[in-house]
Amino acid sequence: MSNRGLIIALIILLIIIIILLIAFLGLSLNGKIGLQRWNAKKSSQVIFDNAYEVSQVEHLEILSTAGDIEFKESTDEKVRVVVYGEEEQELKVDLNGNRLKVDYSQYKNKKIFWGFHFYINDIVIYLPKDYANEISVKANYGDIRAIDLENASMNIKEDCGDVVLGKVKDVFVKNHYGDVKIEAVENKVEVTSDCGDVKIGSLNIIENSSIENSLGDIKIGQTNEIYIEAKTDLGDVKINRNNRYAEVVLKIKNSCGDIKIEN
């Protein structure tokens, strides 16, 4: 029995080492640690700059391989797209049936691991703060940041990088490596994270929601009257207030890390 226990312990240790190595590689490619920082260079060249009427854009879709994606407040109540990069032909921007698609996923650098000619191509989207439509983002390497968009629904898939959002109505996030930070959610939240902390300032959800993390802490500030089902395999769970009679349920699951609700 002792040999069997030792083997199980070694397998668990090996799995943890593999997870940490994958996280290290992902963060190095994203420039969050020094190993690859010198390899990446932010492009300062604007290859696309165009504005659209809000009524034209009922759905906004962003695809990116390498670079930050940022949502800023527009000053003219229009939807404006600004893209920085080196190869204009690798960018596709298309408005079709009130769906605006910004596709920079064609950018493939075969020498990404050696860093030769590796440019980070940023995408900046200017939106009115009352924009009330759907936004979907799929990114490989780079941070995603957004202003308060409390009437919008955001669907984000991120391989490596932080997701930092202001107030949002609905948010759906799948992130592999990086922190997820959200100021406030007003309706529904679904977050799945493999490696990184999840922090939400306040929740006022009226639909059942869920947060799941594999490696990292989960921390939430104020909440409305909801029932919180929280479980962690390795770590502590602290919930200040919990209403088991509430109709709305927030399920929180963590594999390795603390869960703290400060409501």
C-alpha atoms as a PDB file:
ATOM      1  CA  MET A   1       0.000   0.000   0.000  1.00  0.00           C
ATOM      2  CA  SER A   2       2.879   2.373   0.742  1.00  0.00           C
ATOM      3  CA  ASN A   3       4.347   1.871  -2.750  1.00  0.00           C
ATOM      4  CA  ARG A   4       0.974   2.509  -4.319  1.00  0.00           C
ATOM      5  CA  GLY A   5       0.581   5.727  -2.340  1.00  0.00           C
ATOM      6  CA  LEU A   6       4.047   6.863  -3.403  1.00  0.00           C
ATOM      7  CA  ILE A   7       3.232   6.219  -7.059  1.00  0.00           C
ATOM      8  CA  ILE A   8      -0.004   8.210  -6.799  1.00  0.00           C
ATOM      9  CA  ALA A   9       1.852  11.085  -5.128  1.00  0.00           C
ATOM     10  CA  LEU A  10       4.506  11.091  -7.867  1.00  0.00           C
ATOM     11  CA  ILE A  11       1.824  11.118 -10.584  1.00  0.00           C
ATOM     12  CA  ILE A  12       0.097  14.092  -8.953  1.00  0.00           C
ATOM     13  CA  LEU A  13       3.439  15.914  -8.652  1.00  0.00           C
ATOM     14  CA  LEU A  14       4.207  15.236 -12.324  1.00  0.00           C
ATOM     15  CA  ILE A  15       0.814  16.605 -13.386  1.00  0.00           C
ATOM     16  CA  ILE A  16       1.408  19.787 -11.359  1.00  0.00           C
ATOM     17  CA  ILE A  17       4.868  20.239 -12.939  1.00  0.00           C
ATOM     18  CA  ILE A  18       3.410  19.797 -16.434  1.00  0.00           C
ATOM     19  CA  ILE A  19       0.696  22.382 -15.723  1.00  0.00           C
ATOM     20  CA  LEU A  20       3.278  24.867 -14.410  1.00  0.00           C
ATOM     21  CA  LEU A  21       5.542  24.326 -17.423  1.00  0.00           C
ATOM     22  CA  ILE A  22       2.657  24.912 -19.825  1.00  0.00           C
ATOM     23  CA  ALA A  23       1.678  28.059 -17.919  1.00  0.00           C
ATOM     24  CA  PHE A  24       5.309  29.256 -17.972  1.00  0.00           C
ATOM     25  CA  LEU A  25       5.516  28.737 -21.732  1.00  0.00           C
ATOM     26  CA  GLY A  26       2.223  30.510 -22.345  1.00  0.00           C
ATOM     27  CA  LEU A  27       3.122  33.497 -20.184  1.00  0.00           C
ATOM     28  CA  SER A  28       6.572  33.776 -21.760  1.00  0.00           C
ATOM     29  CA  LEU A  29       5.036  33.902 -25.231  1.00  0.00           C
ATOM     30  CA  ASN A  30       2.651  36.587 -24.034  1.00  0.00           C
ATOM     31  CA  GLY A  31       5.539  38.691 -22.723  1.00  0.00           C
ATOM     32  CA  LYS A  32       4.425  38.484 -19.089  1.00  0.00           C
ATOM     33  CA  ILE A  33       7.807  37.135 -18.034  1.00  0.00           C
ATOM     34  CA  GLY A  34      11.204  38.116 -19.298  1.00  0.00           C
ATOM     35  CA  LEU A  35      12.072  35.021 -21.370  1.00  0.00           C
ATOM     36  CA  GLN A  36      10.387  36.247 -24.551  1.00  0.00           C
ATOM     37  CA  ARG A  37       9.900  39.921 -23.795  1.00  0.00           C
ATOM     38  CA  TRP A  38      12.762  40.978 -26.043  1.00  0.00           C
ATOM     39  CA  ASN A  39      11.329  38.943 -28.910  1.00  0.00           C
ATOM     40  CA  ALA A  40       8.071  40.837 -29.314  1.00  0.00           C
ATOM     41  CA  LYS A  41       7.705  44.325 -30.726  1.00  0.00           C
ATOM     42  CA  LYS A  42       4.502  46.336 -30.706  1.00  0.00           C
ATOM     43  CA  SER A  43       3.604  47.712 -34.097  1.00  0.00           C
ATOM     44  CA  SER A  44       2.999  51.477 -34.258  1.00  0.00           C
ATOM     45  CA  GLN A  45       1.735  51.458 -37.836  1.00  0.00           C
ATOM     46  CA  VAL A  46      -1.996  51.998 -38.374  1.00  0.00           C
ATOM     47  CA  ILE A  47      -3.203  49.706 -41.150  1.00  0.00           C
ATOM     48  CA  PHE A  48      -6.941  50.249 -40.662  1.00  0.00           C
ATOM     49  CA  ASP A  49      -9.064  53.093 -39.282  1.00  0.00           C
ATOM     50  CA  ASN A  50     -12.766  53.305 -40.007  1.00  0.00           C
ATOM     51  CA  ALA A  51     -15.980  54.338 -38.236  1.00  0.00           C
ATOM     52  CA  TYR A  52     -19.497  52.897 -38.456  1.00  0.00           C
ATOM     53  CA  GLU A  53     -22.916  54.024 -37.290  1.00  0.00           C
ATOM     54  CA  VAL A  54     -24.035  52.138 -34.171  1.00  0.00           C
ATOM     55  CA  SER A  55     -27.205  51.030 -35.975  1.00  0.00           C
ATOM     56  CA  GLN A  56     -25.011  49.195 -38.489  1.00  0.00           C
ATOM     57  CA  VAL A  57     -23.329  47.018 -35.869  1.00  0.00           C
ATOM     58  CA  GLU A  58     -25.645  44.624 -34.032  1.00  0.00           C
ATOM     59  CA  HIS A  59     -22.900  42.064 -33.492  1.00  0.00           C
ATOM     60  CA  LEU A  60     -19.176  42.727 -33.155  1.00  0.00           C
ATOM     61  CA  GLU A  61     -16.674  39.892 -33.634  1.00  0.00           C
ATOM     62  CA  ILE A  62     -12.906  40.163 -33.078  1.00  0.00           C
ATOM     63  CA  LEU A  63     -10.361  37.483 -34.007  1.00  0.00           C
ATOM     64  CA  SER A  64      -6.680  37.962 -33.203  1.00  0.00           C
ATOM     65  CA  THR A  65      -3.518  35.847 -33.142  1.00  0.00           C
ATOM     66  CA  ALA A  66      -1.016  38.113 -31.369  1.00  0.00           C
ATOM     67  CA  GLY A  67      -1.714  41.474 -29.784  1.00  0.00           C
ATOM     68  CA  ASP A  68      -3.832  43.330 -27.258  1.00  0.00           C
ATOM     69  CA  ILE A  69      -7.505  44.030 -27.845  1.00  0.00           C
ATOM     70  CA  GLU A  70      -8.887  47.128 -26.163  1.00  0.00           C
ATOM     71  CA  PHE A  71     -12.372  48.624 -26.042  1.00  0.00           C
ATOM     72  CA  LYS A  72     -12.400  52.371 -25.419  1.00  0.00           C
ATOM     73  CA  GLU A  73     -15.139  54.983 -25.216  1.00  0.00           C
ATOM     74  CA  SER A  74     -15.928  56.718 -28.498  1.00  0.00           C
ATOM     75  CA  THR A  75     -16.255  60.489 -28.605  1.00  0.00           C
ATOM     76  CA  ASP A  76     -18.658  60.649 -31.565  1.00  0.00           C
ATOM     77  CA  GLU A  77     -21.183  57.919 -30.638  1.00  0.00           C
ATOM     78  CA  LYS A  78     -19.902  55.727 -33.453  1.00  0.00           C
ATOM     79  CA  VAL A  79     -18.202  52.350 -33.615  1.00  0.00           C
ATOM     80  CA  ARG A  80     -14.621  52.921 -34.691  1.00  0.00           C
ATOM     81  CA  VAL A  81     -12.055  50.239 -35.491  1.00  0.00           C
ATOM     82  CA  VAL A  82      -8.328  50.994 -35.369  1.00  0.00           C
ATOM     83  CA  VAL A  83      -5.824  48.234 -36.112  1.00  0.00           C
ATOM     84  CA  TYR A  84      -2.047  48.410 -35.693  1.00  0.00           C
ATOM     85  CA  GLY A  85       0.101  45.999 -37.664  1.00  0.00           C
ATOM     86  CA  GLU A  86       2.737  45.374 -40.309  1.00  0.00           C
ATOM     87  CA  GLU A  87       0.917  43.392 -42.989  1.00  0.00           C
ATOM     88  CA  GLU A  88      -2.327  44.983 -44.166  1.00  0.00           C
ATOM     89  CA  GLN A  89      -3.166  42.038 -46.418  1.00  0.00           C
ATOM     90  CA  GLU A  90      -3.399  39.751 -43.372  1.00  0.00           C
ATOM     91  CA  LEU A  91      -6.277  41.808 -41.927  1.00  0.00           C
ATOM     92  CA  LYS A  92      -9.889  41.309 -42.941  1.00  0.00           C
ATOM     93  CA  VAL A  93     -12.634  43.702 -41.834  1.00  0.00           C
ATOM     94  CA  ASP A  94     -16.106  42.944 -43.098  1.00  0.00           C
ATOM     95  CA  LEU A  95     -19.567  44.379 -42.355  1.00  0.00           C
ATOM     96  CA  ASN A  96     -22.228  41.933 -43.457  1.00  0.00           C
ATOM     97  CA  GLY A  97     -25.835  41.940 -42.310  1.00  0.00           C
ATOM     98  CA  ASN A  98     -25.191  44.192 -39.283  1.00  0.00           C
ATOM     99  CA  ARG A  99     -22.331  41.900 -38.235  1.00  0.00           C
ATOM    100  CA  LEU A 100     -18.934  43.591 -38.091  1.00  0.00           C
ATOM    101  CA  LYS A 101     -16.051  41.124 -38.160  1.00  0.00           C
ATOM    102  CA  VAL A 102     -12.443  42.146 -37.536  1.00  0.00           C
ATOM    103  CA  ASP A 103     -10.230  39.186 -38.409  1.00  0.00           C
ATOM    104  CA  TYR A 104      -6.494  39.372 -37.709  1.00  0.00           C
ATOM    105  CA  SER A 105      -6.161  35.653 -37.069  1.00  0.00           C
ATOM    106  CA  GLN A 106      -4.409  35.187 -40.413  1.00  0.00           C
ATOM    107  CA  TYR A 107      -1.253  36.548 -38.776  1.00  0.00           C
ATOM    108  CA  LYS A 108       0.935  33.458 -38.380  1.00  0.00           C
ATOM    109  CA  ASN A 109       4.589  33.848 -37.479  1.00  0.00           C
ATOM    110  CA  LYS A 110       6.442  30.583 -38.019  1.00  0.00           C
ATOM    111  CA  LYS A 111       9.423  31.885 -36.064  1.00  0.00           C
ATOM    112  CA  ILE A 112       7.448  32.910 -32.996  1.00  0.00           C
ATOM    113  CA  PHE A 113       9.630  30.804 -30.690  1.00  0.00           C
ATOM    114  CA  TRP A 114      12.821  32.458 -31.963  1.00  0.00           C
ATOM    115  CA  GLY A 115      11.343  35.938 -32.010  1.00  0.00           C
ATOM    116  CA  PHE A 116      12.480  37.042 -35.480  1.00  0.00           C
ATOM    117  CA  HIS A 117      10.149  39.712 -36.914  1.00  0.00           C
ATOM    118  CA  PHE A 118       7.506  38.924 -34.292  1.00  0.00           C
ATOM    119  CA  TYR A 119       5.165  41.921 -34.111  1.00  0.00           C
ATOM    120  CA  ILE A 120       2.281  42.388 -31.715  1.00  0.00           C
ATOM    121  CA  ASN A 121      -0.653  43.794 -33.655  1.00  0.00           C
ATOM    122  CA  ASP A 122      -3.077  45.676 -31.414  1.00  0.00           C
ATOM    123  CA  ILE A 123      -6.775  46.168 -32.124  1.00  0.00           C
ATOM    124  CA  VAL A 124      -8.590  49.146 -30.580  1.00  0.00           C
ATOM    125  CA  ILE A 125     -12.384  49.375 -30.729  1.00  0.00           C
ATOM    126  CA  TYR A 126     -14.130  52.629 -29.804  1.00  0.00           C
ATOM    127  CA  LEU A 127     -17.722  52.153 -28.609  1.00  0.00           C
ATOM    128  CA  PRO A 128     -20.402  54.330 -26.988  1.00  0.00           C
ATOM    129  CA  LYS A 129     -20.736  53.376 -23.320  1.00  0.00           C
ATOM    130  CA  ASP A 130     -24.415  52.539 -23.877  1.00  0.00           C
ATOM    131  CA  TYR A 131     -23.634  50.024 -26.636  1.00  0.00           C
ATOM    132  CA  ALA A 132     -26.186  47.256 -26.032  1.00  0.00           C
ATOM    133  CA  ASN A 133     -25.305  44.492 -28.455  1.00  0.00           C
ATOM    134  CA  GLU A 134     -23.228  41.322 -28.476  1.00  0.00           C
ATOM    135  CA  ILE A 135     -19.433  41.351 -28.562  1.00  0.00           C
ATOM    136  CA  SER A 136     -17.423  38.197 -29.194  1.00  0.00           C
ATOM    137  CA  VAL A 137     -13.636  37.956 -28.980  1.00  0.00           C
ATOM    138  CA  LYS A 138     -11.294  35.083 -29.758  1.00  0.00           C
ATOM    139  CA  ALA A 139      -7.596  35.693 -29.136  1.00  0.00           C
ATOM    140  CA  ASN A 140      -4.440  33.602 -28.897  1.00  0.00           C
ATOM    141  CA  TYR A 141      -1.838  35.878 -27.266  1.00  0.00           C
ATOM    142  CA  GLY A 142      -2.514  39.276 -25.717  1.00  0.00           C
ATOM    143  CA  ASP A 143      -4.588  41.076 -23.120  1.00  0.00           C
ATOM    144  CA  ILE A 144      -8.245  42.014 -23.541  1.00  0.00           C
ATOM    145  CA  ARG A 145      -9.412  45.201 -21.819  1.00  0.00           C
ATOM    146  CA  ALA A 146     -12.730  47.026 -21.903  1.00  0.00           C
ATOM    147  CA  ILE A 147     -14.459  50.106 -20.501  1.00  0.00           C
ATOM    148  CA  ASP A 148     -17.837  49.889 -18.767  1.00  0.00           C
ATOM    149  CA  LEU A 149     -20.324  48.346 -21.208  1.00  0.00           C
ATOM    150  CA  GLU A 150     -23.135  47.552 -18.799  1.00  0.00           C
ATOM    151  CA  ASN A 151     -25.721  47.010 -21.544  1.00  0.00           C
ATOM    152  CA  ALA A 152     -23.571  44.686 -23.643  1.00  0.00           C
ATOM    153  CA  SER A 153     -22.967  40.948 -23.615  1.00  0.00           C
ATOM    154  CA  MET A 154     -19.356  39.815 -23.994  1.00  0.00           C
ATOM    155  CA  ASN A 155     -18.234  36.354 -25.071  1.00  0.00           C
ATOM    156  CA  ILE A 156     -14.463  35.937 -24.741  1.00  0.00           C
ATOM    157  CA  LYS A 157     -12.157  33.034 -25.560  1.00  0.00           C
ATOM    158  CA  GLU A 158      -8.532  33.711 -24.646  1.00  0.00           C
ATOM    159  CA  ASP A 159      -5.559  31.353 -24.842  1.00  0.00           C
ATOM    160  CA  CYS A 160      -2.900  33.404 -23.098  1.00  0.00           C
ATOM    161  CA  GLY A 161      -3.380  36.832 -21.579  1.00  0.00           C
ATOM    162  CA  ASP A 162      -5.369  38.791 -18.999  1.00  0.00           C
ATOM    163  CA  VAL A 163      -9.030  39.684 -19.394  1.00  0.00           C
ATOM    164  CA  VAL A 164      -9.851  43.002 -17.683  1.00  0.00           C
ATOM    165  CA  LEU A 165     -13.405  44.310 -18.029  1.00  0.00           C
ATOM    166  CA  GLY A 166     -15.466  47.104 -16.533  1.00  0.00           C
ATOM    167  CA  LYS A 167     -19.186  46.796 -15.872  1.00  0.00           C
ATOM    168  CA  VAL A 168     -20.954  44.412 -18.222  1.00  0.00           C
ATOM    169  CA  LYS A 169     -24.446  42.936 -18.516  1.00  0.00           C
ATOM    170  CA  ASP A 170     -23.570  39.357 -19.485  1.00  0.00           C
ATOM    171  CA  VAL A 171     -20.079  37.909 -19.656  1.00  0.00           C
ATOM    172  CA  PHE A 172     -18.862  34.521 -20.803  1.00  0.00           C
ATOM    173  CA  VAL A 173     -15.112  33.949 -20.503  1.00  0.00           C
ATOM    174  CA  LYS A 174     -12.931  30.938 -21.281  1.00  0.00           C
ATOM    175  CA  ASN A 175      -9.314  31.680 -20.449  1.00  0.00           C
ATOM    176  CA  HIS A 176      -6.395  29.261 -20.381  1.00  0.00           C
ATOM    177  CA  TYR A 177      -3.500  31.297 -18.939  1.00  0.00           C
ATOM    178  CA  GLY A 178      -3.995  34.703 -17.353  1.00  0.00           C
ATOM    179  CA  ASP A 179      -6.076  36.571 -14.797  1.00  0.00           C
ATOM    180  CA  VAL A 180      -9.746  37.431 -15.252  1.00  0.00           C
ATOM    181  CA  LYS A 181     -10.773  40.725 -13.626  1.00  0.00           C
ATOM    182  CA  ILE A 182     -14.288  42.132 -13.960  1.00  0.00           C
ATOM    183  CA  GLU A 183     -15.542  45.255 -12.219  1.00  0.00           C
ATOM    184  CA  ALA A 184     -19.240  44.295 -12.153  1.00  0.00           C
ATOM    185  CA  VAL A 185     -21.763  41.926 -13.741  1.00  0.00           C
ATOM    186  CA  GLU A 186     -25.417  42.926 -13.979  1.00  0.00           C
ATOM    187  CA  ASN A 187     -27.169  39.811 -15.291  1.00  0.00           C
ATOM    188  CA  LYS A 188     -25.174  36.604 -15.851  1.00  0.00           C
ATOM    189  CA  VAL A 189     -21.582  35.400 -15.592  1.00  0.00           C
ATOM    190  CA  GLU A 190     -19.886  32.234 -16.770  1.00  0.00           C
ATOM    191  CA  VAL A 191     -16.113  32.031 -16.315  1.00  0.00           C
ATOM    192  CA  THR A 192     -13.845  29.056 -16.961  1.00  0.00           C
ATOM    193  CA  SER A 193     -10.152  29.528 -16.211  1.00  0.00           C
ATOM    194  CA  ASP A 194      -7.277  27.046 -16.310  1.00  0.00           C
ATOM    195  CA  CYS A 195      -4.473  29.060 -14.737  1.00  0.00           C
ATOM    196  CA  GLY A 196      -4.892  32.487 -13.161  1.00  0.00           C
ATOM    197  CA  ASP A 197      -6.901  34.398 -10.565  1.00  0.00           C
ATOM    198  CA  VAL A 198     -10.551  35.317 -11.062  1.00  0.00           C
ATOM    199  CA  LYS A 199     -11.631  38.594  -9.422  1.00  0.00           C
ATOM    200  CA  ILE A 200     -15.060  40.220  -9.712  1.00  0.00           C
ATOM    201  CA  GLY A 201     -15.837  43.466  -7.905  1.00  0.00           C
ATOM    202  CA  SER A 202     -19.601  43.045  -7.620  1.00  0.00           C
ATOM    203  CA  LEU A 203     -22.387  40.772  -8.846  1.00  0.00           C
ATOM    204  CA  ASN A 204     -26.020  41.649  -9.361  1.00  0.00           C
ATOM    205  CA  ILE A 205     -27.028  38.528 -11.275  1.00  0.00           C
ATOM    206  CA  ILE A 206     -30.601  37.513 -12.049  1.00  0.00           C
ATOM    207  CA  GLU A 207     -29.759  34.309 -13.929  1.00  0.00           C
ATOM    208  CA  ASN A 208     -28.005  31.193 -12.666  1.00  0.00           C
ATOM    209  CA  SER A 209     -24.257  31.559 -13.179  1.00  0.00           C
ATOM    210  CA  SER A 210     -20.991  29.682 -12.711  1.00  0.00           C
ATOM    211  CA  ILE A 211     -17.274  30.220 -12.133  1.00  0.00           C
ATOM    212  CA  GLU A 212     -14.745  27.409 -12.490  1.00  0.00           C
ATOM    213  CA  ASN A 213     -11.001  27.593 -12.016  1.00  0.00           C
ATOM    214  CA  SER A 214      -8.233  25.000 -12.078  1.00  0.00           C
ATOM    215  CA  LEU A 215      -5.270  26.884 -10.605  1.00  0.00           C
ATOM    216  CA  GLY A 216      -5.705  30.268  -8.929  1.00  0.00           C
ATOM    217  CA  ASP A 217      -7.819  32.129  -6.387  1.00  0.00           C
ATOM    218  CA  ILE A 218     -11.431  33.222  -6.895  1.00  0.00           C
ATOM    219  CA  LYS A 219     -12.439  36.465  -5.192  1.00  0.00           C
ATOM    220  CA  ILE A 220     -15.796  38.265  -5.402  1.00  0.00           C
ATOM    221  CA  GLY A 221     -16.906  41.453  -3.679  1.00  0.00           C
ATOM    222  CA  GLN A 222     -20.540  42.465  -3.182  1.00  0.00           C
ATOM    223  CA  THR A 223     -23.399  40.261  -4.405  1.00  0.00           C
ATOM    224  CA  ASN A 224     -27.161  40.483  -4.465  1.00  0.00           C
ATOM    225  CA  GLU A 225     -29.331  37.949  -2.628  1.00  0.00           C
ATOM    226  CA  ILE A 226     -28.171  34.711  -4.260  1.00  0.00           C
ATOM    227  CA  TYR A 227     -27.243  31.214  -3.163  1.00  0.00           C
ATOM    228  CA  ILE A 228     -23.567  30.402  -3.611  1.00  0.00           C
ATOM    229  CA  GLU A 229     -22.466  26.788  -4.007  1.00  0.00           C
ATOM    230  CA  ALA A 230     -18.696  26.871  -3.542  1.00  0.00           C
ATOM    231  CA  LYS A 231     -16.162  24.060  -3.440  1.00  0.00           C
ATOM    232  CA  THR A 232     -12.385  23.874  -3.739  1.00  0.00           C
ATOM    233  CA  ASP A 233     -10.246  20.740  -3.761  1.00  0.00           C
ATOM    234  CA  LEU A 234      -7.170  22.455  -2.339  1.00  0.00           C
ATOM    235  CA  GLY A 235      -7.672  25.763  -0.558  1.00  0.00           C
ATOM    236  CA  ASP A 236     -10.046  27.659   1.728  1.00  0.00           C
ATOM    237  CA  VAL A 237     -13.659  28.749   1.172  1.00  0.00           C
ATOM    238  CA  LYS A 238     -14.983  31.886   2.883  1.00  0.00           C
ATOM    239  CA  ILE A 239     -18.451  33.309   2.204  1.00  0.00           C
ATOM    240  CA  ASN A 240     -19.700  36.145   4.416  1.00  0.00           C
ATOM    241  CA  ARG A 241     -23.411  35.913   3.499  1.00  0.00           C
ATOM    242  CA  ASN A 242     -25.323  33.177   1.705  1.00  0.00           C
ATOM    243  CA  ASN A 243     -29.060  32.855   1.072  1.00  0.00           C
ATOM    244  CA  ARG A 244     -29.935  29.205   0.582  1.00  0.00           C
ATOM    245  CA  TYR A 245     -33.545  30.148  -0.228  1.00  0.00           C
ATOM    246  CA  ALA A 246     -32.596  32.394  -3.140  1.00  0.00           C
ATOM    247  CA  GLU A 247     -33.865  31.467  -6.603  1.00  0.00           C
ATOM    248  CA  VAL A 248     -30.626  32.466  -8.338  1.00  0.00           C
ATOM    249  CA  VAL A 249     -27.655  30.133  -7.846  1.00  0.00           C
ATOM    250  CA  LEU A 250     -23.968  30.869  -8.408  1.00  0.00           C
ATOM    251  CA  LYS A 251     -21.871  27.710  -8.622  1.00  0.00           C
ATOM    252  CA  ILE A 252     -18.159  28.111  -7.904  1.00  0.00           C
ATOM    253  CA  LYS A 253     -15.670  25.292  -8.315  1.00  0.00           C
ATOM    254  CA  ASN A 254     -11.935  25.466  -7.829  1.00  0.00           C
ATOM    255  CA  SER A 255      -9.288  22.758  -8.104  1.00  0.00           C
ATOM    256  CA  CYS A 256      -6.365  24.551  -6.451  1.00  0.00           C
ATOM    257  CA  GLY A 257      -6.887  27.932  -4.833  1.00  0.00           C
ATOM    258  CA  ASP A 258      -8.960  29.868  -2.325  1.00  0.00           C
ATOM    259  CA  ILE A 259     -12.539  31.042  -2.779  1.00  0.00           C
ATOM    260  CA  LYS A 260     -13.462  34.269  -1.018  1.00  0.00           C
ATOM    261  CA  ILE A 261     -16.833  36.080  -1.213  1.00  0.00           C
ATOM    262  CA  GLU A 262     -16.818  39.400   0.644  1.00  0.00           C
ATOM    263  CA  ASN A 263     -20.542  40.175   0.378  1.00  0.00           C
END
